PDB file of N, CA and C in Angstrom:
ATOM      1  N   UNK A   1       7.276  28.745  60.099  1.00  0.00           N
ATOM      2  CA  UNK A   1       7.575  29.132  61.447  1.00  0.00           C
ATOM      3  C   UNK A   1       9.056  29.482  61.590  1.00  0.00           C
ATOM      4  N   UNK A   2       9.924  28.721  60.985  1.00  0.00           N
ATOM      5  CA  UNK A   2      11.355  28.991  61.123  1.00  0.00           C
ATOM      6  C   UNK A   2      11.737  30.326  60.495  1.00  0.00           C
ATOM      7  N   UNK A   3      11.056  30.709  59.416  1.00  0.00           N
ATOM      8  CA  UNK A   3      11.337  32.012  58.804  1.00  0.00           C
ATOM      9  C   UNK A   3      10.963  33.146  59.748  1.00  0.00           C
ATOM     10  N   UNK A   4       9.855  32.992  60.466  1.00  0.00           N
ATOM     11  CA  UNK A   4       9.437  34.006  61.439  1.00  0.00           C
ATOM     12  C   UNK A   4      10.462  34.103  62.561  1.00  0.00           C
ATOM     13  N   UNK A   5      10.940  32.968  63.046  1.00  0.00           N
ATOM     14  CA  UNK A   5      11.959  32.968  64.101  1.00  0.00           C
ATOM     15  C   UNK A   5      13.239  33.645  63.627  1.00  0.00           C
ATOM     16  N   UNK A   6      13.635  33.381  62.385  1.00  0.00           N
ATOM     17  CA  UNK A   6      14.822  34.036  61.830  1.00  0.00           C
ATOM     18  C   UNK A   6      14.629  35.549  61.753  1.00  0.00           C
ATOM     19  N   UNK A   7      13.446  35.993  61.336  1.00  0.00           N
ATOM     20  CA  UNK A   7      13.170  37.427  61.242  1.00  0.00           C
ATOM     21  C   UNK A   7      13.219  38.081  62.617  1.00  0.00           C
ATOM     22  N   UNK A   8      12.677  37.422  63.623  1.00  0.00           N
ATOM     23  CA  UNK A   8      12.727  37.959  64.985  1.00  0.00           C
ATOM     24  C   UNK A   8      14.165  38.067  65.477  1.00  0.00           C
ATOM     25  N   UNK A   9      14.961  37.039  65.209  1.00  0.00           N
ATOM     26  CA  UNK A   9      16.365  37.047  65.633  1.00  0.00           C
ATOM     27  C   UNK A   9      17.121  38.186  64.966  1.00  0.00           C
ATOM     28  N   UNK A  10      16.850  38.422  63.682  1.00  0.00           N
ATOM     29  CA  UNK A  10      17.513  39.506  62.959  1.00  0.00           C
ATOM     30  C   UNK A  10      17.162  40.870  63.533  1.00  0.00           C
ATOM     31  N   UNK A  11      16.018  40.974  64.188  1.00  0.00           N
ATOM     32  CA  UNK A  11      15.596  42.230  64.821  1.00  0.00           C
ATOM     33  C   UNK A  11      16.037  42.314  66.277  1.00  0.00           C
ATOM     34  N   UNK A  12      16.859  41.367  66.705  1.00  0.00           N
ATOM     35  CA  UNK A  12      17.386  41.399  68.063  1.00  0.00           C
ATOM     36  C   UNK A  12      16.471  40.790  69.112  1.00  0.00           C
ATOM     37  N   UNK A  13      15.461  40.074  68.684  1.00  0.00           N
ATOM     38  CA  UNK A  13      14.529  39.445  69.621  1.00  0.00           C
ATOM     39  C   UNK A  13      15.005  38.044  69.968  1.00  0.00           C
ATOM     40  N   UNK A  14      14.611  37.579  71.146  1.00  0.00           N
ATOM     41  CA  UNK A  14      14.925  36.217  71.580  1.00  0.00           C
ATOM     42  C   UNK A  14      13.631  35.459  71.815  1.00  0.00           C
ATOM     43  N   UNK A  15      13.602  34.205  71.388  1.00  0.00           N
ATOM     44  CA  UNK A  15      12.433  33.351  71.566  1.00  0.00           C
ATOM     45  C   UNK A  15      12.913  32.006  72.081  1.00  0.00           C
ATOM     46  N   UNK A  16      12.253  31.489  73.110  1.00  0.00           N
ATOM     47  CA  UNK A  16      12.580  30.162  73.628  1.00  0.00           C
ATOM     48  C   UNK A  16      11.636  29.126  73.052  1.00  0.00           C
ATOM     49  N   UNK A  17      12.170  27.976  72.678  1.00  0.00           N
ATOM     50  CA  UNK A  17      11.375  26.893  72.100  1.00  0.00           C
ATOM     51  C   UNK A  17      11.733  25.603  72.829  1.00  0.00           C
ATOM     52  N   UNK A  18      10.727  24.853  73.200  1.00  0.00           N
ATOM     53  CA  UNK A  18      10.938  23.524  73.761  1.00  0.00           C
ATOM     54  C   UNK A  18      10.511  22.536  72.688  1.00  0.00           C
ATOM     55  N   UNK A  19      11.442  21.708  72.216  1.00  0.00           N
ATOM     56  CA  UNK A  19      11.115  20.815  71.104  1.00  0.00           C
ATOM     57  C   UNK A  19      12.034  19.603  71.075  1.00  0.00           C
ATOM     58  N   UNK A  20      11.516  18.538  70.507  1.00  0.00           N
ATOM     59  CA  UNK A  20      12.313  17.345  70.246  1.00  0.00           C
ATOM     60  C   UNK A  20      12.504  17.159  68.740  1.00  0.00           C
ATOM     61  N   UNK A  21      12.034  18.105  67.932  1.00  0.00           N
ATOM     62  CA  UNK A  21      12.065  17.998  66.478  1.00  0.00           C
ATOM     63  C   UNK A  21      13.492  18.213  65.969  1.00  0.00           C
ATOM     64  N   UNK A  22      14.004  17.230  65.253  1.00  0.00           N
ATOM     65  CA  UNK A  22      15.392  17.260  64.786  1.00  0.00           C
ATOM     66  C   UNK A  22      15.666  18.446  63.862  1.00  0.00           C
ATOM     67  N   UNK A  23      14.711  18.816  63.005  1.00  0.00           N
ATOM     68  CA  UNK A  23      14.919  19.955  62.101  1.00  0.00           C
ATOM     69  C   UNK A  23      15.178  21.241  62.876  1.00  0.00           C
ATOM     70  N   UNK A  24      14.481  21.433  63.982  1.00  0.00           N
ATOM     71  CA  UNK A  24      14.717  22.623  64.804  1.00  0.00           C
ATOM     72  C   UNK A  24      16.098  22.579  65.435  1.00  0.00           C
ATOM     73  N   UNK A  25      16.509  21.428  65.923  1.00  0.00           N
ATOM     74  CA  UNK A  25      17.842  21.311  66.536  1.00  0.00           C
ATOM     75  C   UNK A  25      18.933  21.629  65.527  1.00  0.00           C
ATOM     76  N   UNK A  26      18.745  21.218  64.280  1.00  0.00           N
ATOM     77  CA  UNK A  26      19.751  21.494  63.249  1.00  0.00           C
ATOM     78  C   UNK A  26      19.772  22.967  62.857  1.00  0.00           C
ATOM     79  N   UNK A  27      18.628  23.613  62.864  1.00  0.00           N
ATOM     80  CA  UNK A  27      18.537  24.998  62.374  1.00  0.00           C
ATOM     81  C   UNK A  27      18.844  26.036  63.449  1.00  0.00           C
ATOM     82  N   UNK A  28      18.531  25.727  64.701  1.00  0.00           N
ATOM     83  CA  UNK A  28      18.748  26.679  65.789  1.00  0.00           C
ATOM     84  C   UNK A  28      20.028  26.275  66.513  1.00  0.00           C
ATOM     85  N   UNK A  29      21.066  27.086  66.350  1.00  0.00           N
ATOM     86  CA  UNK A  29      22.385  26.701  66.853  1.00  0.00           C
ATOM     87  C   UNK A  29      22.580  26.962  68.339  1.00  0.00           C
ATOM     88  N   UNK A  30      22.020  28.045  68.851  1.00  0.00           N
ATOM     89  CA  UNK A  30      22.161  28.358  70.284  1.00  0.00           C
ATOM     90  C   UNK A  30      21.109  27.563  71.045  1.00  0.00           C
ATOM     91  N   UNK A  31      21.556  26.618  71.869  1.00  0.00           N
ATOM     92  CA  UNK A  31      20.629  25.714  72.541  1.00  0.00           C
ATOM     93  C   UNK A  31      21.009  25.510  73.999  1.00  0.00           C
ATOM     94  N   UNK A  32      20.001  25.280  74.810  1.00  0.00           N
ATOM     95  CA  UNK A  32      20.180  24.755  76.159  1.00  0.00           C
ATOM     96  C   UNK A  32      19.565  23.367  76.148  1.00  0.00           C
ATOM     97  N   UNK A  33      20.352  22.370  76.437  1.00  0.00           N
ATOM     98  CA  UNK A  33      19.887  20.987  76.419  1.00  0.00           C
ATOM     99  C   UNK A  33      19.789  20.482  77.859  1.00  0.00           C
ATOM    100  N   UNK A  34      18.666  19.872  78.196  1.00  0.00           N
ATOM    101  CA  UNK A  34      18.486  19.274  79.514  1.00  0.00           C
ATOM    102  C   UNK A  34      18.894  17.810  79.406  1.00  0.00           C
ATOM    103  N   UNK A  35      19.883  17.420  80.216  1.00  0.00           N
ATOM    104  CA  UNK A  35      20.409  16.058  80.176  1.00  0.00           C
ATOM    105  C   UNK A  35      20.098  15.380  81.502  1.00  0.00           C
ATOM    106  N   UNK A  36      19.401  14.264  81.432  1.00  0.00           N
ATOM    107  CA  UNK A  36      19.039  13.516  82.633  1.00  0.00           C
ATOM    108  C   UNK A  36      20.262  12.763  83.157  1.00  0.00           C
ATOM    109  N   UNK A  37      20.501  12.895  84.453  1.00  0.00           N
ATOM    110  CA  UNK A  37      21.610  12.187  85.087  1.00  0.00           C
ATOM    111  C   UNK A  37      21.116  11.385  86.277  1.00  0.00           C
ATOM    112  N   UNK A  38      21.974  10.586  86.852  1.00  0.00           N
ATOM    113  CA  UNK A  38      21.584   9.754  87.999  1.00  0.00           C
ATOM    114  C   UNK A  38      21.222  10.578  89.223  1.00  0.00           C
ATOM    115  N   UNK A  39      21.910  11.689  89.418  1.00  0.00           N
ATOM    116  CA  UNK A  39      21.646  12.509  90.604  1.00  0.00           C
ATOM    117  C   UNK A  39      20.859  13.779  90.259  1.00  0.00           C
ATOM    118  N   UNK A  40      20.211  13.788  89.106  1.00  0.00           N
ATOM    119  CA  UNK A  40      19.406  14.936  88.697  1.00  0.00           C
ATOM    120  C   UNK A  40      19.783  15.401  87.299  1.00  0.00           C
ATOM    121  N   UNK A  41      19.005  16.287  86.781  1.00  0.00           N
ATOM    122  CA  UNK A  41      19.243  16.806  85.434  1.00  0.00           C
ATOM    123  C   UNK A  41      20.246  17.953  85.465  1.00  0.00           C
ATOM    124  N   UNK A  42      20.948  18.123  84.359  1.00  0.00           N
ATOM    125  CA  UNK A  42      21.878  19.238  84.203  1.00  0.00           C
ATOM    126  C   UNK A  42      21.584  19.930  82.874  1.00  0.00           C
ATOM    127  N   UNK A  43      21.951  21.210  82.777  1.00  0.00           N
ATOM    128  CA  UNK A  43      21.809  21.960  81.535  1.00  0.00           C
ATOM    129  C   UNK A  43      23.139  21.978  80.802  1.00  0.00           C
ATOM    130  N   UNK A  44      23.075  21.804  79.506  1.00  0.00           N
ATOM    131  CA  UNK A  44      24.267  21.868  78.658  1.00  0.00           C
ATOM    132  C   UNK A  44      24.016  22.944  77.603  1.00  0.00           C
ATOM    133  N   UNK A  45      24.918  23.914  77.520  1.00  0.00           N
ATOM    134  CA  UNK A  45      24.798  24.974  76.521  1.00  0.00           C
ATOM    135  C   UNK A  45      25.501  24.530  75.256  1.00  0.00           C
ATOM    136  N   UNK A  46      24.831  24.712  74.120  1.00  0.00           N
ATOM    137  CA  UNK A  46      25.397  24.325  72.835  1.00  0.00           C
ATOM    138  C   UNK A  46      25.296  25.494  71.871  1.00  0.00           C
ATOM    139  N   UNK A  47      26.324  25.712  71.103  1.00  0.00           N
ATOM    140  CA  UNK A  47      26.311  26.754  70.084  1.00  0.00           C
ATOM    141  C   UNK A  47      26.358  28.154  70.671  1.00  0.00           C
ATOM    142  N   UNK A  48      26.432  29.121  69.776  1.00  0.00           N
ATOM    143  CA  UNK A  48      26.521  30.511  70.208  1.00  0.00           C
ATOM    144  C   UNK A  48      25.444  31.379  69.588  1.00  0.00           C
ATOM    145  N   UNK A  49      24.740  30.870  68.609  1.00  0.00           N
ATOM    146  CA  UNK A  49      23.695  31.681  67.973  1.00  0.00           C
ATOM    147  C   UNK A  49      24.192  32.254  66.739  1.00  0.00           C
TER     148      UNK A  49
END
């Protein structure tokens, strides 16, 4: 699956993935992380792709 995602990215395509799998977090550098807070959740952008 990760090879397919890499091929899509190389062709200029974007794919969104919702996952808790650590291998995906390590391999996919551009991320939006949802962080739970006391007054609601916030989004944190990580990496650049």
